[in-house]
């Protein structure tokens, strides 16, 4: 593998670790809202729904449609 691929993989792994750590802290009551609560809050408003929809579209195009 090239250095760029390794750097990208390390970046995604780092984001995953940080996301899991934030979720665990939230479930223990030590951090911000859980991912489910944040998603529910975003879905209460029209702009939030648009952001959720665009995020799902982006994920689908980049990871699922290949």
Protein backbone atom coordinates (compact mmCIF):
# COMPACT_ATOMS: atom_id res chain seq x y z
CA UNK A 1 0.00 0.00 0.00
CA UNK A 2 1.04 3.54 -0.55
CA UNK A 3 1.57 6.09 2.17
CA UNK A 4 -1.59 7.96 1.14
CA UNK A 5 -3.77 4.89 1.56
CA UNK A 6 -2.24 4.12 4.94
CA UNK A 7 -2.73 7.72 6.05
CA UNK A 8 -6.38 7.67 4.94
CA UNK A 9 -7.01 4.35 6.70
CA UNK A 10 -5.38 5.70 9.87
CA UNK A 11 -7.53 8.82 9.67
CA UNK A 12 -10.76 6.83 9.32
CA UNK A 13 -9.70 4.52 12.14
CA UNK A 14 -8.99 7.56 14.32
CA UNK A 15 -12.42 9.01 13.57
CA UNK A 16 -14.04 5.69 14.42
CA UNK A 17 -12.19 5.45 17.74
CA UNK A 18 -13.13 9.03 18.67
CA UNK A 19 -16.78 8.41 17.72
CA UNK A 20 -16.97 5.25 19.81
CA UNK A 21 -15.30 7.01 22.75
CA UNK A 22 -17.81 9.89 22.58
CA UNK A 23 -20.73 7.44 22.41
CA UNK A 24 -19.44 5.45 25.40
CA UNK A 25 -18.94 8.63 27.44
CA UNK A 26 -22.44 9.82 26.54
CA UNK A 27 -23.98 6.52 27.60
CA UNK A 28 -22.12 6.73 30.92
CA UNK A 29 -23.45 10.26 31.47
CA UNK A 30 -20.03 11.89 31.14
CA UNK A 31 -20.36 13.50 27.74
CA UNK A 32 -22.72 15.02 25.19
CA UNK A 33 -25.87 13.38 23.82
CA UNK A 34 -25.74 9.92 22.31
CA UNK A 35 -25.81 9.52 18.54
CA UNK A 36 -29.48 8.50 18.66
CA UNK A 37 -30.50 11.57 20.64
CA UNK A 38 -28.49 13.84 18.35
CA UNK A 39 -30.15 12.30 15.30
CA UNK A 40 -33.60 12.74 16.85
CA UNK A 41 -32.84 16.38 17.60
CA UNK A 42 -31.67 16.94 14.02
CA UNK A 43 -34.81 15.32 12.60
CA UNK A 44 -37.07 17.79 14.44
CA UNK A 45 -36.30 20.63 12.04
CA UNK A 46 -36.48 20.88 8.27
CA UNK A 47 -32.83 21.95 7.84
CA UNK A 48 -31.78 19.09 10.12
CA UNK A 49 -33.73 16.64 7.98
CA UNK A 50 -32.05 18.02 4.87
CA UNK A 51 -28.60 17.53 6.44
CA UNK A 52 -29.45 13.95 7.45
CA UNK A 53 -30.74 13.21 3.95
CA UNK A 54 -27.68 14.71 2.26
CA UNK A 55 -25.40 12.78 4.62
CA UNK A 56 -27.13 9.50 3.75
CA UNK A 57 -26.90 10.35 0.05
CA UNK A 58 -23.19 11.13 0.34
CA UNK A 59 -22.52 7.89 2.22
CA UNK A 60 -24.52 5.90 -0.32
CA UNK A 61 -22.73 7.36 -3.31
CA UNK A 62 -19.27 7.01 -1.83
CA UNK A 63 -19.49 3.67 -0.07
CA UNK A 64 -22.50 1.68 -1.27
CA UNK A 65 -22.94 2.45 -4.97
CA UNK A 66 -19.69 0.99 -6.23
